[in-house]
C-alpha cells in the first residue's frame, strides 16, 4: 500500500503518532526524531504523555517528509529551507499537495472511463 502524504480532512482535532506515521509511511521513531529536530512539529501531550498532533502539526510533518523523503534533502537542508522563508515554503507545499490531489482525481476519472 502506497503511503499518502496528503492530510485528509476527516474533522479530527488530534491524531496519534501512529496515525501520523501511517499517513506518511514512516516509523513512529522517525516522527519523534523529526519532532526533536524541527520546531514546526510541536504536538501536545496528554496526561499519559502520548503525543497529540493537530492538523497543523500533521501538515508540518508533511512538509518535512516532502523535503527529506520526496526531494531527497538532508535534514539540515530541509531545516534551512523551512527557516529561510517559512511562509513561502508552506504555501508552495500547499500548492504541491493540491496538485497531487488533482492528479489523483484525474487518474481515477481516467480509469473509470
PDB file of N, CA and C in Angstrom:
ATOM      1  N   UNK A   1       0.831  -1.184   0.000  1.00  0.00           N
ATOM      2  CA  UNK A   1       0.000   0.000   0.000  1.00  0.00           C
ATOM      3  C   UNK A   1       0.872   1.242   0.000  1.00  0.00           C
ATOM      4  N   UNK A   2       0.591   2.160  -0.897  1.00  0.00           N
ATOM      5  CA  UNK A   2       1.393   3.360  -1.014  1.00  0.00           C
ATOM      6  C   UNK A   2       0.968   4.381   0.022  1.00  0.00           C
ATOM      7  N   UNK A   3       1.935   4.997   0.659  1.00  0.00           N
ATOM      8  CA  UNK A   3       1.631   5.998   1.677  1.00  0.00           C
ATOM      9  C   UNK A   3       1.208   7.295   1.000  1.00  0.00           C
ATOM     10  N   UNK A   4       0.237   7.946   1.578  1.00  0.00           N
ATOM     11  CA  UNK A   4      -0.230   9.231   1.076  1.00  0.00           C
ATOM     12  C   UNK A   4       0.185  10.301   2.057  1.00  0.00           C
ATOM     13  N   UNK A   5       0.808  11.353   1.544  1.00  0.00           N
ATOM     14  CA  UNK A   5       1.208  12.411   2.450  1.00  0.00           C
ATOM     15  C   UNK A   5       0.257  13.593   2.370  1.00  0.00           C
ATOM     16  N   UNK A   6      -0.976  13.322   1.970  1.00  0.00           N
ATOM     17  CA  UNK A   6      -1.988  14.357   1.956  1.00  0.00           C
ATOM     18  C   UNK A   6      -2.776  14.286   3.248  1.00  0.00           C
ATOM     19  N   UNK A   7      -3.016  15.431   3.845  1.00  0.00           N
ATOM     20  CA  UNK A   7      -3.797  15.483   5.070  1.00  0.00           C
ATOM     21  C   UNK A   7      -5.256  15.320   4.704  1.00  0.00           C
ATOM     22  N   UNK A   8      -5.859  14.270   5.191  1.00  0.00           N
ATOM     23  CA  UNK A   8      -7.281  14.047   4.960  1.00  0.00           C
ATOM     24  C   UNK A   8      -8.052  14.874   5.971  1.00  0.00           C
ATOM     25  N   UNK A   9      -9.013  15.635   5.510  1.00  0.00           N
ATOM     26  CA  UNK A   9      -9.803  16.463   6.415  1.00  0.00           C
ATOM     27  C   UNK A   9     -10.988  15.657   6.906  1.00  0.00           C
ATOM     28  N   UNK A  10     -10.763  14.845   7.910  1.00  0.00           N
ATOM     29  CA  UNK A  10     -11.816  13.998   8.446  1.00  0.00           C
ATOM     30  C   UNK A  10     -12.427  14.587   9.710  1.00  0.00           C
ATOM     31  N   UNK A  11     -12.130  15.836   9.987  1.00  0.00           N
ATOM     32  CA  UNK A  11     -12.744  16.513  11.114  1.00  0.00           C
ATOM     33  C   UNK A  11     -12.109  16.248  12.463  1.00  0.00           C
ATOM     34  N   UNK A  12     -11.054  15.439  12.515  1.00  0.00           N
ATOM     35  CA  UNK A  12     -10.408  15.153  13.796  1.00  0.00           C
ATOM     36  C   UNK A  12      -9.622  16.363  14.269  1.00  0.00           C
ATOM     37  N   UNK A  13      -9.638  16.558  15.566  1.00  0.00           N
ATOM     38  CA  UNK A  13      -8.867  17.645  16.157  1.00  0.00           C
ATOM     39  C   UNK A  13      -7.440  17.214  16.462  1.00  0.00           C
ATOM     40  N   UNK A  14      -7.257  15.911  16.761  1.00  0.00           N
ATOM     41  CA  UNK A  14      -5.944  15.396  17.108  1.00  0.00           C
ATOM     42  C   UNK A  14      -5.715  14.045  16.449  1.00  0.00           C
ATOM     43  N   UNK A  15      -4.449  13.763  16.173  1.00  0.00           N
ATOM     44  CA  UNK A  15      -4.036  12.492  15.590  1.00  0.00           C
ATOM     45  C   UNK A  15      -2.958  11.889  16.485  1.00  0.00           C
ATOM     46  N   UNK A  16      -2.970  10.582  16.632  1.00  0.00           N
ATOM     47  CA  UNK A  16      -1.921   9.907  17.402  1.00  0.00           C
ATOM     48  C   UNK A  16      -0.660   9.830  16.548  1.00  0.00           C
ATOM     49  N   UNK A  17       0.451   9.551  17.187  1.00  0.00           N
ATOM     50  CA  UNK A  17       1.705   9.447  16.454  1.00  0.00           C
ATOM     51  C   UNK A  17       1.661   8.289  15.466  1.00  0.00           C
ATOM     52  N   UNK A  18       0.963   7.207  15.814  1.00  0.00           N
ATOM     53  CA  UNK A  18       0.878   6.081  14.888  1.00  0.00           C
ATOM     54  C   UNK A  18       0.034   6.441  13.664  1.00  0.00           C
ATOM     55  N   UNK A  19      -1.005   7.246  13.851  1.00  0.00           N
ATOM     56  CA  UNK A  19      -1.800   7.698  12.704  1.00  0.00           C
ATOM     57  C   UNK A  19      -0.963   8.577  11.777  1.00  0.00           C
ATOM     58  N   UNK A  20      -0.163   9.451  12.355  1.00  0.00           N
ATOM     59  CA  UNK A  20       0.690  10.332  11.558  1.00  0.00           C
ATOM     60  C   UNK A  20       1.746   9.508  10.829  1.00  0.00           C
ATOM     61  N   UNK A  21       2.363   8.575  11.525  1.00  0.00           N
ATOM     62  CA  UNK A  21       3.386   7.721  10.901  1.00  0.00           C
ATOM     63  C   UNK A  21       2.774   6.914   9.761  1.00  0.00           C
ATOM     64  N   UNK A  22       1.587   6.354   9.970  1.00  0.00           N
ATOM     65  CA  UNK A  22       0.913   5.591   8.914  1.00  0.00           C
ATOM     66  C   UNK A  22       0.588   6.467   7.721  1.00  0.00           C
ATOM     67  N   UNK A  23       0.157   7.679   7.981  1.00  0.00           N
ATOM     68  CA  UNK A  23      -0.211   8.617   6.921  1.00  0.00           C
ATOM     69  C   UNK A  23       0.962   8.874   5.966  1.00  0.00           C
ATOM     70  N   UNK A  24       2.186   8.864   6.517  1.00  0.00           N
ATOM     71  CA  UNK A  24       3.360   9.155   5.698  1.00  0.00           C
ATOM     72  C   UNK A  24       4.216   7.935   5.403  1.00  0.00           C
ATOM     73  N   UNK A  25       3.800   6.785   5.904  1.00  0.00           N
ATOM     74  CA  UNK A  25       4.531   5.555   5.619  1.00  0.00           C
ATOM     75  C   UNK A  25       5.910   5.499   6.246  1.00  0.00           C
ATOM     76  N   UNK A  26       6.020   6.039   7.455  1.00  0.00           N
ATOM     77  CA  UNK A  26       7.298   6.033   8.179  1.00  0.00           C
ATOM     78  C   UNK A  26       7.079   5.454   9.572  1.00  0.00           C
ATOM     79  N   UNK A  27       8.153   5.204  10.285  1.00  0.00           N
ATOM     80  CA  UNK A  27       8.083   4.699  11.658  1.00  0.00           C
ATOM     81  C   UNK A  27       7.796   5.830  12.640  1.00  0.00           C
ATOM     82  N   UNK A  28       7.185   5.473  13.757  1.00  0.00           N
ATOM     83  CA  UNK A  28       6.922   6.474  14.785  1.00  0.00           C
ATOM     84  C   UNK A  28       8.226   7.057  15.340  1.00  0.00           C
ATOM     85  N   UNK A  29       9.276   6.263  15.347  1.00  0.00           N
ATOM     86  CA  UNK A  29      10.563   6.772  15.846  1.00  0.00           C
ATOM     87  C   UNK A  29      11.087   7.893  14.953  1.00  0.00           C
ATOM     88  N   UNK A  30      10.818   7.816  13.661  1.00  0.00           N
ATOM     89  CA  UNK A  30      11.247   8.887  12.753  1.00  0.00           C
ATOM     90  C   UNK A  30      10.451  10.165  13.034  1.00  0.00           C
ATOM     91  N   UNK A  31       9.169  10.029  13.290  1.00  0.00           N
ATOM     92  CA  UNK A  31       8.342  11.196  13.627  1.00  0.00           C
ATOM     93  C   UNK A  31       8.879  11.854  14.904  1.00  0.00           C
ATOM     94  N   UNK A  32       9.204  11.038  15.907  1.00  0.00           N
ATOM     95  CA  UNK A  32       9.755  11.585  17.156  1.00  0.00           C
ATOM     96  C   UNK A  32      11.094  12.286  16.903  1.00  0.00           C
ATOM     97  N   UNK A  33      11.925  11.697  16.034  1.00  0.00           N
ATOM     98  CA  UNK A  33      13.210  12.318  15.724  1.00  0.00           C
ATOM     99  C   UNK A  33      12.995  13.655  15.010  1.00  0.00           C
ATOM    100  N   UNK A  34      12.117  13.665  14.010  1.00  0.00           N
ATOM    101  CA  UNK A  34      11.830  14.920  13.308  1.00  0.00           C
ATOM    102  C   UNK A  34      11.297  15.967  14.275  1.00  0.00           C
ATOM    103  N   UNK A  35      10.482  15.536  15.234  1.00  0.00           N
ATOM    104  CA  UNK A  35       9.950  16.462  16.233  1.00  0.00           C
ATOM    105  C   UNK A  35      11.095  17.122  17.011  1.00  0.00           C
ATOM    106  N   UNK A  36      12.135  16.344  17.309  1.00  0.00           N
ATOM    107  CA  UNK A  36      13.270  16.895  18.065  1.00  0.00           C
ATOM    108  C   UNK A  36      14.130  17.832  17.220  1.00  0.00           C
ATOM    109  N   UNK A  37      14.071  17.712  15.904  1.00  0.00           N
ATOM    110  CA  UNK A  37      14.913  18.496  15.024  1.00  0.00           C
ATOM    111  C   UNK A  37      14.224  19.725  14.415  1.00  0.00           C
ATOM    112  N   UNK A  38      12.900  19.666  14.276  1.00  0.00           N
ATOM    113  CA  UNK A  38      12.159  20.731  13.609  1.00  0.00           C
ATOM    114  C   UNK A  38      11.162  21.359  14.573  1.00  0.00           C
ATOM    115  N   UNK A  39      11.346  22.641  14.860  1.00  0.00           N
ATOM    116  CA  UNK A  39      10.447  23.302  15.808  1.00  0.00           C
ATOM    117  C   UNK A  39       9.049  23.521  15.251  1.00  0.00           C
ATOM    118  N   UNK A  40       8.835  23.302  13.954  1.00  0.00           N
ATOM    119  CA  UNK A  40       7.490  23.433  13.389  1.00  0.00           C
ATOM    120  C   UNK A  40       6.606  22.250  13.765  1.00  0.00           C
ATOM    121  N   UNK A  41       7.221  21.154  14.219  1.00  0.00           N
ATOM    122  CA  UNK A  41       6.474  19.985  14.675  1.00  0.00           C
ATOM    123  C   UNK A  41       6.447  20.049  16.192  1.00  0.00           C
ATOM    124  N   UNK A  42       5.284  20.380  16.736  1.00  0.00           N
ATOM    125  CA  UNK A  42       5.192  20.608  18.172  1.00  0.00           C
ATOM    126  C   UNK A  42       3.882  20.050  18.729  1.00  0.00           C
ATOM    127  N   UNK A  43       3.744  18.718  18.756  1.00  0.00           N
ATOM    128  CA  UNK A  43       2.484  18.147  19.256  1.00  0.00           C
ATOM    129  C   UNK A  43       2.334  18.355  20.764  1.00  0.00           C
ATOM    130  N   UNK A  44       1.082  18.417  21.179  1.00  0.00           N
ATOM    131  CA  UNK A  44       0.788  18.483  22.612  1.00  0.00           C
ATOM    132  C   UNK A  44       0.865  17.068  23.176  1.00  0.00           C
ATOM    133  N   UNK A  45       0.971  16.954  24.475  1.00  0.00           N
ATOM    134  CA  UNK A  45       0.963  15.638  25.124  1.00  0.00           C
ATOM    135  C   UNK A  45      -0.192  15.586  26.108  1.00  0.00           C
ATOM    136  N   UNK A  46      -0.865  14.432  26.142  1.00  0.00           N
ATOM    137  CA  UNK A  46      -1.962  14.277  27.097  1.00  0.00           C
ATOM    138  C   UNK A  46      -1.404  13.876  28.462  1.00  0.00           C
ATOM    139  N   UNK A  47      -2.277  13.598  29.398  1.00  0.00           N
ATOM    140  CA  UNK A  47      -1.841  13.263  30.758  1.00  0.00           C
ATOM    141  C   UNK A  47      -0.968  12.022  30.804  1.00  0.00           C
ATOM    142  N   UNK A  48      -1.181  11.102  29.877  1.00  0.00           N
ATOM    143  CA  UNK A  48      -0.376   9.877  29.821  1.00  0.00           C
ATOM    144  C   UNK A  48       0.958  10.100  29.106  1.00  0.00           C
ATOM    145  N   UNK A  49       1.140  11.272  28.523  1.00  0.00           N
ATOM    146  CA  UNK A  49       2.384  11.566  27.803  1.00  0.00           C
ATOM    147  C   UNK A  49       2.322  11.210  26.325  1.00  0.00           C
ATOM    148  N   UNK A  50       1.150  10.789  25.839  1.00  0.00           N
ATOM    149  CA  UNK A  50       1.004  10.467  24.419  1.00  0.00           C
ATOM    150  C   UNK A  50       0.948  11.744  23.594  1.00  0.00           C
ATOM    151  N   UNK A  51       1.643  11.740  22.470  1.00  0.00           N
ATOM    152  CA  UNK A  51       1.635  12.894  21.592  1.00  0.00           C
ATOM    153  C   UNK A  51       0.284  13.001  20.897  1.00  0.00           C
ATOM    154  N   UNK A  52      -0.215  14.250  20.817  1.00  0.00           N
ATOM    155  CA  UNK A  52      -1.477  14.528  20.140  1.00  0.00           C
ATOM    156  C   UNK A  52      -1.193  15.582  19.071  1.00  0.00           C
ATOM    157  N   UNK A  53      -1.177  15.144  17.816  1.00  0.00           N
ATOM    158  CA  UNK A  53      -0.832  16.016  16.705  1.00  0.00           C
ATOM    159  C   UNK A  53      -2.077  16.724  16.183  1.00  0.00           C
ATOM    160  N   UNK A  54      -2.013  18.037  16.068  1.00  0.00           N
ATOM    161  CA  UNK A  54      -3.095  18.804  15.460  1.00  0.00           C
ATOM    162  C   UNK A  54      -2.945  18.702  13.942  1.00  0.00           C
ATOM    163  N   UNK A  55      -3.978  19.076  13.195  1.00  0.00           N
ATOM    164  CA  UNK A  55      -3.822  19.099  11.739  1.00  0.00           C
ATOM    165  C   UNK A  55      -2.632  19.953  11.285  1.00  0.00           C
ATOM    166  N   UNK A  56      -2.361  21.037  12.012  1.00  0.00           N
ATOM    167  CA  UNK A  56      -1.205  21.884  11.669  1.00  0.00           C
ATOM    168  C   UNK A  56       0.104  21.124  11.891  1.00  0.00           C
ATOM    169  N   UNK A  57       0.191  20.333  12.964  1.00  0.00           N
ATOM    170  CA  UNK A  57       1.372  19.508  13.213  1.00  0.00           C
ATOM    171  C   UNK A  57       1.545  18.472  12.103  1.00  0.00           C
ATOM    172  N   UNK A  58       0.435  17.866  11.694  1.00  0.00           N
ATOM    173  CA  UNK A  58       0.495  16.862  10.628  1.00  0.00           C
ATOM    174  C   UNK A  58       0.966  17.508   9.327  1.00  0.00           C
ATOM    175  N   UNK A  59       0.504  18.713   9.080  1.00  0.00           N
ATOM    176  CA  UNK A  59       0.942  19.450   7.897  1.00  0.00           C
ATOM    177  C   UNK A  59       2.448  19.716   7.963  1.00  0.00           C
ATOM    178  N   UNK A  60       2.951  20.053   9.141  1.00  0.00           N
ATOM    179  CA  UNK A  60       4.383  20.298   9.320  1.00  0.00           C
ATOM    180  C   UNK A  60       5.188  19.020   9.078  1.00  0.00           C
ATOM    181  N   UNK A  61       4.675  17.891   9.565  1.00  0.00           N
ATOM    182  CA  UNK A  61       5.334  16.608   9.304  1.00  0.00           C
ATOM    183  C   UNK A  61       5.341  16.350   7.801  1.00  0.00           C
ATOM    184  N   UNK A  62       4.238  16.678   7.143  1.00  0.00           N
ATOM    185  CA  UNK A  62       4.161  16.511   5.690  1.00  0.00           C
ATOM    186  C   UNK A  62       5.189  17.358   4.967  1.00  0.00           C
ATOM    187  N   UNK A  63       5.417  18.561   5.458  1.00  0.00           N
ATOM    188  CA  UNK A  63       6.414  19.447   4.863  1.00  0.00           C
ATOM    189  C   UNK A  63       7.814  18.849   4.995  1.00  0.00           C
ATOM    190  N   UNK A  64       8.127  18.380   6.182  1.00  0.00           N
ATOM    191  CA  UNK A  64       9.434  17.746   6.407  1.00  0.00           C
ATOM    192  C   UNK A  64       9.556  16.487   5.544  1.00  0.00           C
ATOM    193  N   UNK A  65       8.515  15.684   5.526  1.00  0.00           N
ATOM    194  CA  UNK A  65       8.506  14.454   4.714  1.00  0.00           C
ATOM    195  C   UNK A  65       8.758  14.787   3.240  1.00  0.00           C
ATOM    196  N   UNK A  66       8.105  15.820   2.757  1.00  0.00           N
ATOM    197  CA  UNK A  66       8.272  16.224   1.355  1.00  0.00           C
ATOM    198  C   UNK A  66       9.730  16.554   1.051  1.00  0.00           C
ATOM    199  N   UNK A  67      10.331  17.392   1.884  1.00  0.00           N
ATOM    200  CA  UNK A  67      11.713  17.793   1.611  1.00  0.00           C
ATOM    201  C   UNK A  67      12.710  16.656   1.796  1.00  0.00           C
ATOM    202  N   UNK A  68      12.531  15.870   2.838  1.00  0.00           N
ATOM    203  CA  UNK A  68      13.516  14.831   3.155  1.00  0.00           C
ATOM    204  C   UNK A  68      13.311  13.572   2.316  1.00  0.00           C
ATOM    205  N   UNK A  69      12.089  13.095   2.256  1.00  0.00           N
ATOM    206  CA  UNK A  69      11.825  11.814   1.596  1.00  0.00           C
ATOM    207  C   UNK A  69      11.561  11.951   0.097  1.00  0.00           C
ATOM    208  N   UNK A  70      10.827  12.988  -0.299  1.00  0.00           N
ATOM    209  CA  UNK A  70      10.483  13.120  -1.713  1.00  0.00           C
ATOM    210  C   UNK A  70      11.527  13.905  -2.504  1.00  0.00           C
ATOM    211  N   UNK A  71      12.037  14.958  -1.911  1.00  0.00           N
ATOM    212  CA  UNK A  71      13.038  15.776  -2.611  1.00  0.00           C
ATOM    213  C   UNK A  71      14.463  15.320  -2.331  1.00  0.00           C
ATOM    214  N   UNK A  72      14.663  14.472  -1.325  1.00  0.00           N
ATOM    215  CA  UNK A  72      15.978  13.938  -1.020  1.00  0.00           C
ATOM    216  C   UNK A  72      16.918  14.909  -0.331  1.00  0.00           C
ATOM    217  N   UNK A  73      16.374  15.915   0.322  1.00  0.00           N
ATOM    218  CA  UNK A  73      17.218  16.882   1.024  1.00  0.00           C
ATOM    219  C   UNK A  73      17.707  16.283   2.339  1.00  0.00           C
ATOM    220  N   UNK A  74      18.804  16.796   2.817  1.00  0.00           N
ATOM    221  CA  UNK A  74      19.277  16.418   4.145  1.00  0.00           C
ATOM    222  C   UNK A  74      18.395  17.107   5.183  1.00  0.00           C
ATOM    223  N   UNK A  75      18.462  16.633   6.420  1.00  0.00           N
ATOM    224  CA  UNK A  75      17.706  17.301   7.478  1.00  0.00           C
ATOM    225  C   UNK A  75      18.150  18.750   7.624  1.00  0.00           C
ATOM    226  N   UNK A  76      19.448  18.962   7.540  1.00  0.00           N
ATOM    227  CA  UNK A  76      19.986  20.317   7.665  1.00  0.00           C
ATOM    228  C   UNK A  76      19.460  21.202   6.538  1.00  0.00           C
ATOM    229  N   UNK A  77      19.430  20.660   5.326  1.00  0.00           N
ATOM    230  CA  UNK A  77      18.930  21.415   4.179  1.00  0.00           C
ATOM    231  C   UNK A  77      17.448  21.725   4.308  1.00  0.00           C
ATOM    232  N   UNK A  78      16.670  20.743   4.751  1.00  0.00           N
ATOM    233  CA  UNK A  78      15.230  20.945   4.935  1.00  0.00           C
ATOM    234  C   UNK A  78      14.980  21.984   6.025  1.00  0.00           C
ATOM    235  N   UNK A  79      15.726  21.886   7.111  1.00  0.00           N
ATOM    236  CA  UNK A  79      15.585  22.831   8.208  1.00  0.00           C
ATOM    237  C   UNK A  79      15.901  24.246   7.738  1.00  0.00           C
ATOM    238  N   UNK A  80      16.959  24.388   6.972  1.00  0.00           N
ATOM    239  CA  UNK A  80      17.347  25.703   6.454  1.00  0.00           C
ATOM    240  C   UNK A  80      16.284  26.246   5.512  1.00  0.00           C
ATOM    241  N   UNK A  81      15.751  25.393   4.656  1.00  0.00           N
ATOM    242  CA  UNK A  81      14.712  25.792   3.704  1.00  0.00           C
ATOM    243  C   UNK A  81      13.483  26.300   4.449  1.00  0.00           C
ATOM    244  N   UNK A  82      13.079  25.594   5.483  1.00  0.00           N
ATOM    245  CA  UNK A  82      11.906  25.989   6.258  1.00  0.00           C
ATOM    246  C   UNK A  82      12.176  27.268   7.038  1.00  0.00           C
ATOM    247  N   UNK A  83      13.360  27.412   7.596  1.00  0.00           N
ATOM    248  CA  UNK A  83      13.703  28.601   8.387  1.00  0.00           C
ATOM    249  C   UNK A  83      13.861  29.847   7.522  1.00  0.00           C
ATOM    250  N   UNK A  84      14.455  29.691   6.332  1.00  0.00           N
ATOM    251  CA  UNK A  84      14.726  30.847   5.477  1.00  0.00           C
ATOM    252  C   UNK A  84      13.455  31.588   5.083  1.00  0.00           C
ATOM    253  N   UNK A  85      12.458  30.848   4.684  1.00  0.00           N
ATOM    254  CA  UNK A  85      11.242  31.502   4.230  1.00  0.00           C
ATOM    255  C   UNK A  85      10.070  30.581   4.506  1.00  0.00           C
ATOM    256  N   UNK A  86       9.698  30.484   5.738  1.00  0.00           N
ATOM    257  CA  UNK A  86       8.680  29.529   6.172  1.00  0.00           C
ATOM    258  C   UNK A  86       7.340  29.741   5.472  1.00  0.00           C
ATOM    259  N   UNK A  87       6.915  30.989   5.337  1.00  0.00           N
ATOM    260  CA  UNK A  87       5.618  31.276   4.739  1.00  0.00           C
ATOM    261  C   UNK A  87       5.551  30.797   3.288  1.00  0.00           C
ATOM    262  N   UNK A  88       6.549  31.166   2.484  1.00  0.00           N
ATOM    263  CA  UNK A  88       6.568  30.731   1.078  1.00  0.00           C
ATOM    264  C   UNK A  88       6.722  29.223   0.971  1.00  0.00           C
ATOM    265  N   UNK A  89       7.525  28.642   1.842  1.00  0.00           N
ATOM    266  CA  UNK A  89       7.719  27.194   1.832  1.00  0.00           C
ATOM    267  C   UNK A  89       6.402  26.485   2.106  1.00  0.00           C
ATOM    268  N   UNK A  90       5.653  26.952   3.090  1.00  0.00           N
ATOM    269  CA  UNK A  90       4.363  26.343   3.408  1.00  0.00           C
ATOM    270  C   UNK A  90       3.363  26.528   2.272  1.00  0.00           C
ATOM    271  N   UNK A  91       3.363  27.721   1.655  1.00  0.00           N
ATOM    272  CA  UNK A  91       2.464  27.963   0.528  1.00  0.00           C
ATOM    273  C   UNK A  91       2.796  27.052  -0.649  1.00  0.00           C
ATOM    274  N   UNK A  92       4.066  26.916  -0.949  1.00  0.00           N
ATOM    275  CA  UNK A  92       4.486  26.039  -2.045  1.00  0.00           C
ATOM    276  C   UNK A  92       4.085  24.596  -1.761  1.00  0.00           C
ATOM    277  N   UNK A  93       4.238  24.171  -0.523  1.00  0.00           N
ATOM    278  CA  UNK A  93       3.862  22.818  -0.141  1.00  0.00           C
ATOM    279  C   UNK A  93       2.362  22.610  -0.346  1.00  0.00           C
ATOM    280  N   UNK A  94       1.558  23.604   0.036  1.00  0.00           N
ATOM    281  CA  UNK A  94       0.105  23.505  -0.141  1.00  0.00           C
ATOM    282  C   UNK A  94      -0.266  23.382  -1.615  1.00  0.00           C
ATOM    283  N   UNK A  95       0.404  24.141  -2.459  1.00  0.00           N
ATOM    284  CA  UNK A  95       0.147  24.069  -3.902  1.00  0.00           C
ATOM    285  C   UNK A  95       0.498  22.681  -4.421  1.00  0.00           C
ATOM    286  N   UNK A  96       1.629  22.153  -4.004  1.00  0.00           N
ATOM    287  CA  UNK A  96       2.057  20.820  -4.435  1.00  0.00           C
ATOM    288  C   UNK A  96       1.053  19.768  -3.993  1.00  0.00           C
ATOM    289  N   UNK A  97       0.580  19.861  -2.757  1.00  0.00           N
ATOM    290  CA  UNK A  97      -0.401  18.899  -2.253  1.00  0.00           C
ATOM    291  C   UNK A  97      -1.704  18.988  -3.044  1.00  0.00           C
ATOM    292  N   UNK A  98      -2.129  20.204  -3.365  1.00  0.00           N
ATOM    293  CA  UNK A  98      -3.352  20.378  -4.151  1.00  0.00           C
ATOM    294  C   UNK A  98      -3.191  19.774  -5.541  1.00  0.00           C
ATOM    295  N   UNK A  99      -2.042  20.006  -6.147  1.00  0.00           N
ATOM    296  CA  UNK A  99      -1.790  19.443  -7.479  1.00  0.00           C
ATOM    297  C   UNK A  99      -1.757  17.917  -7.444  1.00  0.00           C
ATOM    298  N   UNK A 100      -1.185  17.344  -6.399  1.00  0.00           N
ATOM    299  CA  UNK A 100      -1.172  15.886  -6.268  1.00  0.00           C
ATOM    300  C   UNK A 100      -2.586  15.340  -6.137  1.00  0.00           C
ATOM    301  N   UNK A 101      -3.413  16.045  -5.394  1.00  0.00           N
ATOM    302  CA  UNK A 101      -4.795  15.611  -5.206  1.00  0.00           C
ATOM    303  C   UNK A 101      -5.561  15.708  -6.529  1.00  0.00           C
ATOM    304  N   UNK A 102      -5.352  16.777  -7.268  1.00  0.00           N
ATOM    305  CA  UNK A 102      -5.993  16.933  -8.577  1.00  0.00           C
ATOM    306  C   UNK A 102      -5.537  15.827  -9.516  1.00  0.00           C
ATOM    307  N   UNK A 103      -4.250  15.537  -9.516  1.00  0.00           N
ATOM    308  CA  UNK A 103      -3.712  14.478 -10.377  1.00  0.00           C
ATOM    309  C   UNK A 103      -4.343  13.123 -10.038  1.00  0.00           C
ATOM    310  N   UNK A 104      -4.461  12.831  -8.749  1.00  0.00           N
ATOM    311  CA  UNK A 104      -5.061  11.565  -8.328  1.00  0.00           C
ATOM    312  C   UNK A 104      -6.518  11.481  -8.773  1.00  0.00           C
ATOM    313  N   UNK A 105      -7.233  12.590  -8.667  1.00  0.00           N
ATOM    314  CA  UNK A 105      -8.628  12.620  -9.105  1.00  0.00           C
ATOM    315  C   UNK A 105      -8.729  12.405 -10.610  1.00  0.00           C
ATOM    316  N   UNK A 106      -7.855  13.055 -11.364  1.00  0.00           N
ATOM    317  CA  UNK A 106      -7.863  12.894 -12.822  1.00  0.00           C
ATOM    318  C   UNK A 106      -7.520  11.470 -13.232  1.00  0.00           C
ATOM    319  N   UNK A 107      -6.543  10.878 -12.553  1.00  0.00           N
ATOM    320  CA  UNK A 107      -6.192   9.474 -12.863  1.00  0.00           C
ATOM    321  C   UNK A 107      -7.351   8.533 -12.552  1.00  0.00           C
ATOM    322  N   UNK A 108      -8.046   8.818 -11.470  1.00  0.00           N
ATOM    323  CA  UNK A 108      -9.200   7.990 -11.106  1.00  0.00           C
ATOM    324  C   UNK A 108     -10.299   8.124 -12.160  1.00  0.00           C
ATOM    325  N   UNK A 109     -10.534   9.357 -12.617  1.00  0.00           N
ATOM    326  CA  UNK A 109     -11.531   9.571 -13.670  1.00  0.00           C
ATOM    327  C   UNK A 109     -11.142   8.862 -14.953  1.00  0.00           C
ATOM    328  N   UNK A 110      -9.867   8.920 -15.279  1.00  0.00           N
ATOM    329  CA  UNK A 110      -9.371   8.264 -16.496  1.00  0.00           C
ATOM    330  C   UNK A 110      -9.587   6.762 -16.426  1.00  0.00           C
ATOM    331  N   UNK A 111      -9.325   6.169 -15.262  1.00  0.00           N
ATOM    332  CA  UNK A 111      -9.504   4.729 -15.090  1.00  0.00           C
ATOM    333  C   UNK A 111     -10.971   4.310 -15.191  1.00  0.00           C
ATOM    334  N   UNK A 112     -11.860   5.195 -14.766  1.00  0.00           N
ATOM    335  CA  UNK A 112     -13.286   4.867 -14.770  1.00  0.00           C
ATOM    336  C   UNK A 112     -13.955   5.105 -16.118  1.00  0.00           C
ATOM    337  N   UNK A 113     -13.254   5.732 -17.045  1.00  0.00           N
ATOM    338  CA  UNK A 113     -13.834   5.992 -18.376  1.00  0.00           C
ATOM    339  C   UNK A 113     -13.534   4.899 -19.365  1.00  0.00           C
TER     340      UNK A 113
END
